[in-house]
Protein backbone atom coordinates (compact mmCIF):
# COMPACT_ATOMS: atom_id res chain seq x y z
CA MET A 1 70.76 49.21 2.49
CA GLU A 2 67.68 47.03 2.89
CA VAL A 3 67.27 48.07 6.52
CA GLU A 4 67.55 51.75 5.62
CA ALA A 5 64.93 51.38 2.88
CA ALA A 6 62.63 49.60 5.28
CA ARG A 7 62.94 52.41 7.81
CA LYS A 8 62.04 54.99 5.14
CA ASP A 9 59.02 52.94 4.09
CA ALA A 10 57.84 52.56 7.67
CA ALA A 11 58.33 56.30 8.38
CA ALA A 12 56.12 57.15 5.39
CA LEU A 13 53.19 55.10 6.75
CA ASP A 14 50.24 56.95 8.24
CA PRO A 15 49.29 55.29 11.52
CA GLU A 16 45.58 55.98 10.84
CA LEU A 17 45.73 53.94 7.65
CA LEU A 18 48.03 51.23 8.88
CA GLN A 19 46.57 47.77 8.09
CA LEU A 20 48.46 44.54 8.55
CA PRO A 21 47.35 41.78 6.22
CA GLU A 22 47.30 38.18 7.39
CA VAL A 23 50.68 36.58 6.78
CA ALA A 24 52.21 33.33 7.80
CA PRO A 25 54.82 33.25 10.63
CA GLY A 26 57.42 32.02 8.16
CA ALA A 27 57.00 35.16 6.05
CA LEU A 28 57.59 37.39 9.09
CA ARG A 29 60.75 35.52 10.00
CA GLU A 30 62.12 36.06 6.50
CA ASN A 31 61.38 39.86 6.65
CA SER A 32 62.28 40.62 10.25
CA ALA A 33 63.73 43.98 9.22
CA ILE A 34 60.28 45.28 8.33
CA VAL A 35 58.90 44.11 11.67
CA GLU A 36 61.68 45.86 13.57
CA ALA A 37 61.18 49.07 11.57
CA LEU A 38 57.45 49.04 12.27
CA TYR A 39 58.07 48.41 15.95
CA SER A 40 60.51 51.32 16.12
CA GLN A 41 58.03 53.57 14.36
CA TRP A 42 55.34 52.55 16.82
CA LEU A 43 57.54 53.34 19.81
CA ALA A 44 58.19 56.83 18.38
CA LEU A 45 54.48 57.72 18.36
CA PRO A 46 53.39 60.21 21.10
CA GLU A 47 50.42 58.02 22.04
CA THR A 48 52.72 55.08 22.56
CA SER A 49 54.96 57.05 24.90
CA LYS A 50 51.96 58.09 26.99
CA MET A 51 50.66 54.54 27.12
CA VAL A 52 54.07 53.10 28.11
CA LYS A 53 54.51 55.68 30.87
CA SER A 54 51.02 54.94 32.18
CA LEU A 55 51.70 51.22 32.20
CA ILE A 56 55.00 51.74 34.06
CA GLU A 57 53.30 53.85 36.71
CA ASP A 58 50.53 51.28 37.12
CA ALA A 59 53.08 48.53 37.45
CA LYS A 60 54.96 50.46 40.14
CA ALA A 61 51.74 51.12 42.02
CA GLY A 62 50.84 47.40 41.88
CA GLY A 63 47.64 48.04 39.93
CA THR A 64 46.16 46.05 37.02
CA LEU A 65 47.65 46.76 33.63
CA ASN A 66 44.96 48.09 31.32
CA VAL A 67 45.33 49.71 27.93
CA ALA A 68 42.90 52.55 27.32
CA GLY A 69 39.99 51.58 25.05
CA SER A 70 40.54 47.85 25.55
CA SER A 71 39.04 45.28 27.88
CA ALA A 72 41.11 43.00 30.03
CA ALA A 73 40.44 40.16 27.62
CA SER A 74 41.57 42.32 24.71
CA THR A 75 44.72 43.31 26.64
CA ASN A 76 45.56 39.67 27.23
CA VAL A 77 45.05 38.88 23.57
CA ALA A 78 47.05 41.94 22.52
CA SER A 79 49.89 41.12 24.92
CA SER A 80 50.16 37.63 23.43
CA SER A 81 50.36 39.03 19.92
CA PRO A 82 53.82 39.31 18.31
CA LEU A 83 53.10 42.98 17.41
CA PRO A 84 51.58 45.60 19.71
CA SER A 85 48.59 47.60 18.49
CA MET A 86 49.41 50.30 15.90
CA PHE A 87 45.99 51.93 16.25
CA PRO A 88 45.25 55.04 18.30
CA SER A 89 43.83 54.57 21.77
CA GLY A 90 40.11 53.86 21.88
CA SER A 91 40.11 51.38 19.00
CA ALA A 92 40.48 47.61 19.30
CA PRO A 93 44.00 46.36 18.54
CA PRO A 94 44.35 44.06 15.53
CA LEU A 95 44.97 40.36 16.06
CA SER A 96 47.44 40.11 13.16
CA PRO A 97 49.68 38.38 12.57
CA ARG A 98 47.62 35.26 13.44
CA SER A 99 48.88 31.76 13.40
CA THR A 100 47.61 29.58 10.59
CA SER A 101 46.17 27.03 12.97
CA GLY A 102 44.39 29.63 15.12
CA SER A 103 42.99 31.92 12.46
CA PRO A 104 39.18 31.98 12.48
CA ARG A 105 39.26 32.51 8.72
CA VAL A 106 41.38 29.41 8.19
CA MET A 107 39.14 27.43 10.51
CA ARG A 108 36.04 28.47 8.58
CA ARG A 109 37.54 27.40 5.29
CA GLY A 110 39.17 24.19 6.35
CA SER A 111 36.94 22.86 9.09
CA ALA A 112 33.86 20.86 8.21
CA ALA A 113 33.33 19.38 11.65
CA GLY A 114 30.52 21.75 12.58
CA PRO A 115 29.13 25.27 12.38
CA SER A 116 31.49 28.24 12.77
CA SER A 117 32.04 29.58 16.28
CA LEU A 118 31.68 33.10 14.91
CA GLY A 119 28.03 32.47 14.05
CA SER A 120 26.19 32.40 10.73
CA PRO A 121 24.27 35.27 9.17
CA LEU A 122 21.65 32.73 8.03
CA LYS A 123 18.72 32.24 10.36
CA LEU A 124 18.09 28.75 11.58
CA VAL A 125 14.92 27.32 10.04
CA SER A 126 12.96 24.99 12.26
CA GLU A 127 12.13 21.56 10.88
CA PRO A 128 8.75 21.41 9.12
CA VAL A 129 5.93 19.90 11.10
CA ARG A 130 5.29 16.36 9.93
CA GLU A 131 1.78 15.84 8.64
CA VAL A 132 0.00 12.93 10.27
CA ILE A 133 -1.43 10.71 7.52
CA PRO A 134 -4.40 8.66 8.70
CA GLN A 135 -4.22 4.91 8.29
CA PHE A 136 -5.52 3.85 4.90
CA TYR A 137 -4.62 0.14 4.80
CA PHE A 138 -6.15 -2.42 7.09
CA LYS A 139 -5.07 -6.04 6.84
CA ASN A 140 -8.51 -7.38 7.79
CA GLY A 141 -10.53 -4.61 6.18
CA ARG A 142 -11.55 -1.14 7.32
CA PRO A 143 -13.30 -1.06 10.72
CA ALA A 144 -16.96 -0.13 10.71
CA PRO A 145 -17.90 3.46 11.60
CA LYS A 146 -19.47 3.89 15.00
CA ASP A 147 -22.97 4.75 13.72
CA LEU A 148 -23.01 1.78 11.31
CA ARG A 149 -21.80 -0.54 14.04
CA GLU A 150 -24.47 0.63 16.49
CA GLN A 151 -27.20 0.36 13.87
CA CYS A 152 -26.16 -3.20 13.02
CA LEU A 153 -25.95 -4.20 16.68
CA SER A 154 -29.46 -2.91 17.20
CA ARG A 155 -30.82 -5.17 14.46
CA ILE A 156 -28.77 -8.10 15.77
CA ASP A 157 -30.24 -7.68 19.26
CA HIS A 158 -33.70 -7.71 17.70
CA LEU A 159 -33.16 -11.02 15.89
CA PHE A 160 -31.14 -12.70 18.66
CA PHE A 161 -33.68 -11.66 21.29
CA ALA A 162 -33.71 -14.97 23.15
CA GLY A 163 -29.95 -14.89 23.73
CA GLU A 164 -29.61 -18.61 23.06
CA GLY A 165 -28.62 -18.32 19.42
CA LEU A 166 -30.31 -19.31 16.17
CA GLN A 167 -30.54 -22.61 14.36
CA ILE A 168 -30.01 -23.00 10.63
CA GLU A 169 -33.70 -22.76 9.70
CA GLU A 170 -33.98 -19.50 11.66
CA PHE A 171 -30.92 -17.89 10.12
CA ARG A 172 -32.36 -16.65 6.78
CA PRO A 173 -33.57 -13.26 8.20
CA VAL A 174 -30.03 -12.62 9.47
CA THR A 175 -28.61 -13.25 6.00
CA LYS A 176 -31.15 -11.03 4.22
CA ASP A 177 -31.94 -8.25 6.73
CA ILE A 178 -28.63 -7.77 8.50
CA CYS A 179 -26.02 -8.96 6.00
CA LYS A 180 -28.04 -7.80 2.95
CA LEU A 181 -26.96 -10.91 1.05
CA PRO A 182 -28.97 -13.22 -1.24
CA SER A 183 -30.88 -15.73 0.86
CA VAL A 184 -29.25 -18.67 -0.96
CA PHE A 185 -26.12 -17.92 1.10
CA SER A 186 -27.90 -18.57 4.39
CA THR A 187 -26.70 -22.15 4.82
CA VAL A 188 -23.09 -21.54 3.80
CA LEU A 189 -22.88 -18.44 6.02
CA PHE A 190 -24.34 -20.33 8.97
CA LYS A 191 -21.81 -23.16 8.61
CA LYS A 192 -18.99 -20.67 8.14
CA ILE A 193 -19.73 -19.13 11.54
CA ASP A 194 -20.61 -22.43 13.23
CA ALA A 195 -17.18 -23.93 12.59
CA GLY A 196 -17.64 -26.38 15.46
CA CYS A 197 -20.86 -27.79 13.93
CA SER A 198 -22.83 -27.17 17.12
CA GLY A 199 -26.01 -26.48 15.15
CA THR A 200 -26.41 -23.01 16.68
CA VAL A 201 -24.98 -19.56 15.97
CA THR A 202 -24.93 -17.30 19.02
CA ARG A 203 -25.12 -13.53 18.99
CA ASP A 204 -21.51 -13.12 20.09
CA ALA A 205 -20.27 -15.53 17.42
CA PHE A 206 -22.12 -13.63 14.71
CA VAL A 207 -20.91 -10.24 15.97
CA ASP A 208 -17.34 -11.51 16.10
CA TYR A 209 -17.49 -12.83 12.51
CA TRP A 210 -19.53 -10.11 10.83
CA ILE A 211 -18.61 -6.92 12.72
CA ASN A 212 -15.36 -7.51 14.59
CA ASP A 213 -13.82 -9.20 11.56
CA ASN A 214 -14.89 -6.18 9.45
CA LYS A 215 -17.07 -8.13 7.02
CA ILE A 216 -19.69 -5.40 7.42
CA THR A 217 -17.54 -2.81 5.63
CA MET A 218 -16.67 -4.98 2.62
CA ASP A 219 -18.43 -4.72 -0.72
CA THR A 220 -20.90 -7.49 -1.55
CA ALA A 221 -18.53 -9.36 -3.89
CA SER A 222 -15.80 -9.46 -1.22
CA GLN A 223 -18.30 -10.61 1.40
CA LEU A 224 -19.50 -13.50 -0.75
CA PHE A 225 -15.96 -14.38 -1.72
CA GLU A 226 -14.88 -14.59 1.94
CA ILE A 227 -17.93 -16.67 2.82
CA LEU A 228 -17.46 -19.17 -0.01
CA ARG A 229 -13.71 -19.66 -0.18
CA LYS A 230 -11.96 -22.37 1.79
CA PRO A 231 -9.33 -21.34 4.38
CA GLY A 232 -5.93 -20.80 2.80
CA TYR A 233 -7.30 -20.38 -0.74
CA ASN A 234 -7.42 -17.13 -2.72
CA TYR A 235 -9.90 -18.42 -5.31
CA LEU A 236 -13.19 -20.30 -5.55
CA THR A 237 -13.77 -23.73 -7.05
CA GLN A 238 -16.91 -25.44 -8.31
CA GLU A 239 -17.11 -27.35 -5.04
CA ASP A 240 -17.57 -24.07 -3.13
CA PHE A 241 -20.91 -23.39 -4.89
CA LYS A 242 -22.59 -26.72 -4.11
CA LEU A 243 -24.08 -25.57 -0.79
CA VAL A 244 -25.47 -22.47 -2.51
CA LEU A 245 -27.23 -24.56 -5.17
CA LYS A 246 -28.50 -26.97 -2.52
CA GLU A 247 -30.05 -24.04 -0.66
CA LEU A 248 -31.57 -22.76 -3.90
CA LEU A 249 -33.18 -26.12 -4.74
CA ALA A 250 -34.57 -26.41 -1.21
CA SER A 251 -35.99 -22.92 -0.89
CA HIS A 252 -36.93 -21.41 -4.25
CA PRO A 253 -40.62 -21.81 -5.15
CA GLY A 254 -39.81 -22.17 -8.86
CA LEU A 255 -37.92 -25.41 -8.21
CA GLU A 256 -40.35 -27.15 -5.87
CA PHE A 257 -41.41 -29.54 -8.62
CA LEU A 258 -37.90 -31.10 -8.53
CA GLN A 259 -38.24 -32.22 -4.91
CA GLY A 260 -39.16 -35.75 -5.96
CA THR A 261 -36.40 -36.15 -8.59
CA PRO A 262 -33.00 -36.01 -6.89
CA GLU A 263 -31.19 -36.95 -10.11
CA PHE A 264 -32.52 -33.91 -11.93
CA GLN A 265 -31.71 -31.74 -8.94
CA GLU A 266 -28.08 -32.84 -9.15
CA ARG A 267 -27.89 -32.27 -12.91
CA TYR A 268 -29.51 -28.85 -12.60
CA ALA A 269 -27.01 -27.81 -9.91
CA GLU A 270 -24.07 -29.03 -12.01
CA THR A 271 -25.32 -27.19 -15.09
CA VAL A 272 -25.75 -23.92 -13.21
CA ILE A 273 -22.22 -24.16 -11.79
CA TYR A 274 -20.78 -24.96 -15.23
CA ARG A 275 -22.56 -21.93 -16.69
CA ILE A 276 -21.21 -19.70 -13.90
CA PHE A 277 -17.61 -20.75 -14.45
CA TYR A 278 -17.93 -20.61 -18.23
CA SER A 279 -19.11 -16.98 -18.12
CA ILE A 280 -17.10 -15.57 -15.21
CA ASN A 281 -13.92 -17.62 -14.97
CA ARG A 282 -12.40 -16.17 -18.11
CA ALA A 283 -9.04 -17.78 -17.40
CA GLY A 284 -10.74 -21.15 -17.82
CA ASN A 285 -8.63 -22.76 -15.09
CA GLY A 286 -11.44 -23.54 -12.66
CA HIS A 287 -10.10 -21.00 -10.14
CA LEU A 288 -12.58 -18.15 -9.80
CA THR A 289 -10.80 -15.08 -8.38
CA LEU A 290 -12.27 -12.13 -6.52
CA ARG A 291 -11.52 -9.87 -9.46
CA GLU A 292 -13.46 -12.15 -11.83
CA LEU A 293 -16.36 -12.30 -9.38
CA LYS A 294 -16.51 -8.50 -9.20
CA ARG A 295 -16.42 -8.11 -12.96
CA GLY A 296 -19.18 -10.69 -13.54
CA ASN A 297 -22.95 -10.45 -13.13
CA LEU A 298 -23.43 -13.42 -10.80
CA ILE A 299 -24.32 -11.36 -7.71
CA ALA A 300 -27.05 -9.47 -9.55
CA ALA A 301 -28.51 -12.78 -10.76
CA MET A 302 -28.49 -14.20 -7.22
CA GLN A 303 -30.21 -11.11 -5.87
CA GLN A 304 -32.86 -11.51 -8.58
CA LEU A 305 -33.65 -14.98 -7.21
CA ASP A 306 -35.13 -13.38 -4.07
CA GLU A 307 -37.32 -11.09 -6.15
CA GLU A 308 -38.56 -13.49 -8.83
CA GLU A 309 -40.63 -16.58 -8.06
CA ASP A 310 -40.48 -17.86 -11.65
CA ILE A 311 -37.03 -19.38 -11.95
CA ASN A 312 -37.23 -19.31 -15.76
CA LYS A 313 -37.27 -15.50 -15.73
CA VAL A 314 -33.82 -15.47 -14.14
CA LEU A 315 -32.16 -15.97 -17.51
CA ARG A 316 -28.60 -15.64 -16.27
CA TYR A 317 -27.38 -19.05 -15.05
CA PHE A 318 -30.48 -20.23 -13.15
CA SER A 319 -33.21 -20.76 -15.77
CA TYR A 320 -34.52 -24.30 -15.58
CA GLU A 321 -35.61 -24.22 -19.20
CA HIS A 322 -32.04 -23.51 -20.31
CA PHE A 323 -30.85 -26.45 -18.27
CA TYR A 324 -33.55 -28.68 -19.73
CA VAL A 325 -32.54 -27.90 -23.33
CA ILE A 326 -28.84 -28.57 -22.67
CA TYR A 327 -29.48 -31.79 -20.78
CA CYS A 328 -31.91 -33.16 -23.34
CA LYS A 329 -29.43 -32.54 -26.18
CA PHE A 330 -26.75 -34.40 -24.28
CA TRP A 331 -29.08 -37.27 -23.44
CA GLU A 332 -30.03 -37.69 -27.12
CA LEU A 333 -26.38 -37.92 -28.20
CA ASP A 334 -25.33 -40.21 -25.33
CA THR A 335 -27.01 -43.32 -26.69
CA ASP A 336 -25.54 -45.74 -24.16
CA HIS A 337 -26.17 -43.25 -21.30
CA ASP A 338 -22.75 -43.62 -19.75
CA PHE A 339 -22.49 -39.82 -19.56
CA LEU A 340 -19.74 -39.80 -22.18
CA ILE A 341 -19.84 -38.74 -25.84
CA ASP A 342 -17.40 -39.81 -28.54
CA LYS A 343 -16.87 -38.41 -32.04
CA GLU A 344 -19.56 -40.57 -33.61
CA ASN A 345 -22.06 -39.29 -31.06
CA LEU A 346 -21.15 -35.64 -31.56
CA ILE A 347 -21.31 -35.83 -35.35
CA ARG A 348 -25.10 -36.25 -35.01
CA TYR A 349 -25.43 -32.92 -33.16
CA GLY A 350 -27.85 -30.46 -34.76
CA ASN A 351 -29.00 -32.92 -37.44
CA HIS A 352 -25.40 -33.53 -38.56
CA SER A 353 -24.60 -29.80 -38.76
CA LEU A 354 -20.98 -30.43 -37.81
CA THR A 355 -18.35 -31.72 -40.22
CA TYR A 356 -15.78 -34.37 -39.34
CA ARG A 357 -13.09 -31.69 -39.48
CA ILE A 358 -14.91 -29.63 -36.87
CA VAL A 359 -15.46 -32.67 -34.64
CA ASP A 360 -11.79 -33.64 -34.92
CA ARG A 361 -10.86 -30.08 -33.96
CA ILE A 362 -13.13 -30.21 -30.90
CA PHE A 363 -11.70 -33.54 -29.73
CA SER A 364 -8.13 -32.24 -30.15
CA GLN A 365 -8.90 -30.37 -26.89
CA VAL A 366 -7.20 -27.15 -27.95
CA PRO A 367 -7.16 -24.89 -26.05
CA ARG A 368 -9.43 -26.43 -23.39
CA LYS A 369 -8.77 -29.93 -22.07
CA PHE A 370 -11.68 -32.28 -21.44
CA THR A 371 -12.58 -33.06 -17.83
CA SER A 372 -13.95 -36.51 -18.54
CA MET A 373 -10.58 -38.17 -17.87
CA THR A 374 -11.48 -40.75 -20.54
CA GLU A 375 -9.42 -40.85 -23.72
CA GLY A 376 -11.38 -39.83 -26.84
CA LYS A 377 -14.60 -39.00 -25.01
CA MET A 378 -16.34 -35.83 -23.87
CA GLY A 379 -18.07 -35.54 -20.50
CA TYR A 380 -21.19 -33.61 -19.56
CA GLU A 381 -19.25 -30.55 -18.38
CA ASP A 382 -17.33 -30.46 -21.69
CA PHE A 383 -20.61 -30.67 -23.59
CA VAL A 384 -22.07 -27.78 -21.59
CA TYR A 385 -19.03 -25.66 -22.51
CA PHE A 386 -19.51 -26.66 -26.14
CA ILE A 387 -23.20 -25.69 -26.13
CA LEU A 388 -22.51 -22.34 -24.42
CA SER A 389 -19.82 -21.51 -26.95
CA GLU A 390 -22.35 -22.31 -29.72
CA GLU A 391 -24.84 -19.91 -28.15
CA ASP A 392 -22.21 -17.17 -27.81
CA LYS A 393 -21.28 -17.41 -31.47
CA SER A 394 -24.93 -17.82 -32.59
CA SER A 395 -23.59 -19.41 -35.76
CA GLU A 396 -21.58 -22.48 -36.69
CA PRO A 397 -19.13 -23.70 -34.05
CA SER A 398 -15.89 -21.73 -33.78
CA LEU A 399 -12.77 -23.77 -34.51
CA GLU A 400 -10.64 -21.23 -32.65
CA TYR A 401 -12.28 -21.88 -29.32
CA TRP A 402 -11.70 -25.61 -29.48
């Protein structure tokens, strides 16, 4: 009964509309009656009879078997298919039923190894062109532009005309005209370049330090910081400024009168350095960083030294009159002149303007420790800090600072 029903269903099919869905081989084996009925129906078609007769004649003649409307490759594929083509001649035979492992549709869904062999409707987009970003970080500073380098070399050739180098007393024009730095840095710059202490700086040595090492492209604060700091340190100490003050005392016309008093020269230099660190080294640790140097006004004051012959008009740090007032106050309180002040000495400051409570607070060394290294006594540097804090407050001493 099932076979008879299958034959009736197959006979009712229109060959033009015949479509075979994809089915698994197991399903075909279970319904072999339908396959046989379809095959019988296909053999009964007039076109099939013509095609079979043609193939038989070609086979007898020894020619190549070729189905009309199909290529040789299509014939081979069709001949390997379990079912012959049910379509009229001139149309490509279907590939159904396909094996599960060989179905392109199954391969597209299950395979993730690579792109489909059937091609993709999406167009391939080429990779975007990578933008070349110019170098913006240089470990030793940005190299000098060509025009700036040539201009600087021209001035260097003018000053190093002899070719034998310059001695320390001849180096000031290089510091001011080429490096554009305050002249008080002439000695320290000379010794920085003349690391071997030969007493002479040659043209090549200066070019190597100032241009090839990219000092020329730095800002003024960075230039001075690199000149002053010791190798391996990332901060400045009071010791680093001593050569600068020595150059100032030897060269500035407003300080010529101190040439015969070395003791006052030393005290003046110390006081200036203490004032610099009090104002700029806000951390109060004695380590002056590049950031603190940039944020301070020291460079402007040093540049003013080259413009002003009266040292007392350079009010920031370098005024001799300011030093004189501070030193005289200390000398009056230090009755035994051992350069140390105790509580009984300090209580007399400002005609006894300080109370014992304030003095005790100062000598508690909070937050700043004394540098005198003597228990219960204040040194000259500590006194300078005390006086400067008094000037900043312009009133009675602040207990919070000490």
